C-alpha atoms as a PDB file:
ATOM      1  CA  MET A   1     -44.680 -28.419 -80.597  1.00  0.00           C
ATOM      2  CA  THR A   2     -42.339 -27.481 -83.410  1.00  0.00           C
ATOM      3  CA  GLY A   3     -39.365 -29.284 -84.887  1.00  0.00           C
ATOM      4  CA  THR A   4     -36.616 -27.436 -86.734  1.00  0.00           C
ATOM      5  CA  PHE A   5     -34.927 -29.209 -89.640  1.00  0.00           C
ATOM      6  CA  ASN A   6     -31.334 -30.150 -88.814  1.00  0.00           C
ATOM      7  CA  PRO A   7     -29.386 -30.708 -92.063  1.00  0.00           C
ATOM      8  CA  HIS A   8     -26.249 -31.873 -90.209  1.00  0.00           C
ATOM      9  CA  ASP A   9     -27.991 -34.878 -88.637  1.00  0.00           C
ATOM     10  CA  SER A  10     -30.167 -35.718 -91.648  1.00  0.00           C
ATOM     11  CA  TRP A  11     -29.578 -38.507 -94.138  1.00  0.00           C
ATOM     12  CA  GLU A  12     -30.917 -38.780 -97.628  1.00  0.00           C
ATOM     13  CA  MET A  13     -34.656 -39.469 -97.357  1.00  0.00           C
ATOM     14  CA  GLN A  14     -34.463 -39.327 -93.520  1.00  0.00           C
ATOM     15  CA  PRO A  15     -34.695 -35.737 -92.310  1.00  0.00           C
ATOM     16  CA  ALA A  16     -33.907 -34.991 -88.659  1.00  0.00           C
ATOM     17  CA  PHE A  17     -35.837 -32.382 -86.686  1.00  0.00           C
ATOM     18  CA  ASP A  18     -34.712 -30.816 -83.406  1.00  0.00           C
ATOM     19  CA  LEU A  19     -37.803 -30.639 -81.201  1.00  0.00           C
ATOM     20  CA  GLU A  20     -38.351 -27.772 -78.806  1.00  0.00           C
ATOM     21  CA  ASN A  21     -38.286 -30.175 -75.826  1.00  0.00           C
ATOM     22  CA  GLY A  22     -34.633 -31.123 -76.554  1.00  0.00           C
ATOM     23  CA  PHE A  23     -35.361 -34.430 -78.281  1.00  0.00           C
ATOM     24  CA  GLN A  24     -34.680 -35.081 -81.950  1.00  0.00           C
ATOM     25  CA  ALA A  25     -37.023 -36.935 -84.324  1.00  0.00           C
ATOM     26  CA  VAL A  26     -35.735 -38.661 -87.451  1.00  0.00           C
ATOM     27  CA  LEU A  27     -38.392 -39.307 -90.063  1.00  0.00           C
ATOM     28  CA  GLY A  28     -38.721 -42.176 -92.470  1.00  0.00           C
ATOM     29  CA  TYR A  29     -41.087 -42.867 -95.318  1.00  0.00           C
ATOM     30  CA  ASN A  30     -42.849 -46.053 -96.355  1.00  0.00           C
ATOM     31  CA  THR A  31     -44.522 -46.253 -99.760  1.00  0.00           C
ATOM     32  CA  ASN A  32     -47.488 -48.108 -98.254  1.00  0.00           C
ATOM     33  CA  TYR A  33     -47.998 -46.110 -95.061  1.00  0.00           C
ATOM     34  CA  GLY A  34     -46.364 -42.719 -95.640  1.00  0.00           C
ATOM     35  CA  GLU A  35     -44.355 -40.602 -93.247  1.00  0.00           C
ATOM     36  CA  MET A  36     -43.428 -41.889 -89.793  1.00  0.00           C
ATOM     37  CA  ILE A  37     -40.889 -41.340 -87.041  1.00  0.00           C
ATOM     38  CA  SER A  38     -38.198 -43.997 -87.297  1.00  0.00           C
ATOM     39  CA  ARG A  39     -35.975 -42.784 -84.445  1.00  0.00           C
ATOM     40  CA  ILE A  40     -36.182 -40.420 -81.482  1.00  0.00           C
ATOM     41  CA  ASN A  41     -32.880 -39.279 -79.998  1.00  0.00           C
ATOM     42  CA  TYR A  42     -32.868 -38.198 -76.357  1.00  0.00           C
ATOM     43  CA  PRO A  43     -31.407 -34.804 -75.420  1.00  0.00           C
ATOM     44  CA  ASP A  44     -28.120 -36.445 -74.316  1.00  0.00           C
ATOM     45  CA  ARG A  45     -27.827 -37.984 -77.834  1.00  0.00           C
ATOM     46  CA  LYS A  46     -26.631 -41.235 -76.187  1.00  0.00           C
ATOM     47  CA  GLN A  47     -30.042 -42.835 -75.728  1.00  0.00           C
ATOM     48  CA  TYR A  48     -32.594 -43.303 -78.458  1.00  0.00           C
ATOM     49  CA  TRP A  49     -35.845 -45.011 -79.324  1.00  0.00           C
ATOM     50  CA  HIS A  50     -36.041 -46.834 -82.657  1.00  0.00           C
ATOM     51  CA  CYS A  51     -39.240 -47.972 -84.361  1.00  0.00           C
ATOM     52  CA  SER A  52     -38.002 -51.577 -84.317  1.00  0.00           C
ATOM     53  CA  ASN A  53     -37.974 -51.457 -80.478  1.00  0.00           C
ATOM     54  CA  GLY A  54     -41.760 -51.425 -80.254  1.00  0.00           C
ATOM     55  CA  LEU A  55     -43.841 -48.944 -78.309  1.00  0.00           C
ATOM     56  CA  ALA A  56     -42.921 -49.897 -74.737  1.00  0.00           C
ATOM     57  CA  ASP A  57     -39.904 -47.562 -74.623  1.00  0.00           C
ATOM     58  CA  LEU A  58     -41.452 -44.755 -76.670  1.00  0.00           C
ATOM     59  CA  PRO A  59     -40.959 -41.425 -74.855  1.00  0.00           C
ATOM     60  CA  GLU A  60     -44.113 -40.232 -73.127  1.00  0.00           C
ATOM     61  CA  PHE A  61     -44.476 -37.028 -75.157  1.00  0.00           C
ATOM     62  CA  ALA A  62     -44.719 -39.033 -78.416  1.00  0.00           C
ATOM     63  CA  ARG A  63     -47.418 -41.486 -77.275  1.00  0.00           C
ATOM     64  CA  PRO A  64     -50.304 -39.350 -78.619  1.00  0.00           C
ATOM     65  CA  TRP A  65     -48.706 -39.588 -82.076  1.00  0.00           C
ATOM     66  CA  VAL A  66     -49.177 -43.380 -82.299  1.00  0.00           C
ATOM     67  CA  GLU A  67     -51.587 -44.369 -85.049  1.00  0.00           C
ATOM     68  CA  VAL A  68     -53.128 -47.786 -85.664  1.00  0.00           C
ATOM     69  CA  VAL A  69     -52.528 -48.396 -89.361  1.00  0.00           C
ATOM     70  CA  VAL A  70     -54.122 -51.806 -89.868  1.00  0.00           C
ATOM     71  CA  LYS A  71     -56.935 -52.517 -87.427  1.00  0.00           C
ATOM     72  CA  SER A  72     -56.747 -56.293 -87.901  1.00  0.00           C
ATOM     73  CA  SER A  73     -53.076 -56.414 -86.880  1.00  0.00           C
ATOM     74  CA  ASP A  74     -50.701 -54.839 -84.400  1.00  0.00           C
ATOM     75  CA  LEU A  75     -49.236 -52.497 -87.012  1.00  0.00           C
ATOM     76  CA  ARG A  76     -48.828 -49.104 -85.389  1.00  0.00           C
ATOM     77  CA  LEU A  77     -46.756 -46.175 -86.561  1.00  0.00           C
ATOM     78  CA  VAL A  78     -45.600 -43.046 -84.795  1.00  0.00           C
ATOM     79  CA  ARG A  79     -46.568 -40.100 -86.956  1.00  0.00           C
ATOM     80  CA  PRO A  80     -44.779 -36.755 -86.653  1.00  0.00           C
ATOM     81  CA  GLY A  81     -47.159 -34.825 -84.418  1.00  0.00           C
ATOM     82  CA  PHE A  82     -45.154 -31.634 -84.545  1.00  0.00           C
ATOM     83  CA  GLU A  83     -45.035 -28.665 -86.875  1.00  0.00           C
ATOM     84  CA  LYS A  84     -42.045 -28.941 -89.208  1.00  0.00           C
ATOM     85  CA  VAL A  85     -39.926 -25.810 -89.636  1.00  0.00           C
ATOM     86  CA  TRP A  86     -37.712 -26.083 -92.690  1.00  0.00           C
END
């Protein structure tokens, strides 16, 4: 899957990528854990998943991108599992 950079929906330090399945992924960066998806906007742009919501509502296509960061805790991040097109 590819994601095309969308400068109109991006914020400083949080680039947005339009995915080929109609969803949009907004990336964040943590100095300890690196790049992650902080928000996924649904194609209707009215619904979204946010990283603070937990993994229960994560869209099905993004579930393979979940990575356990600290094995001794429940810390899991959603990594961008798509090819970024700038």
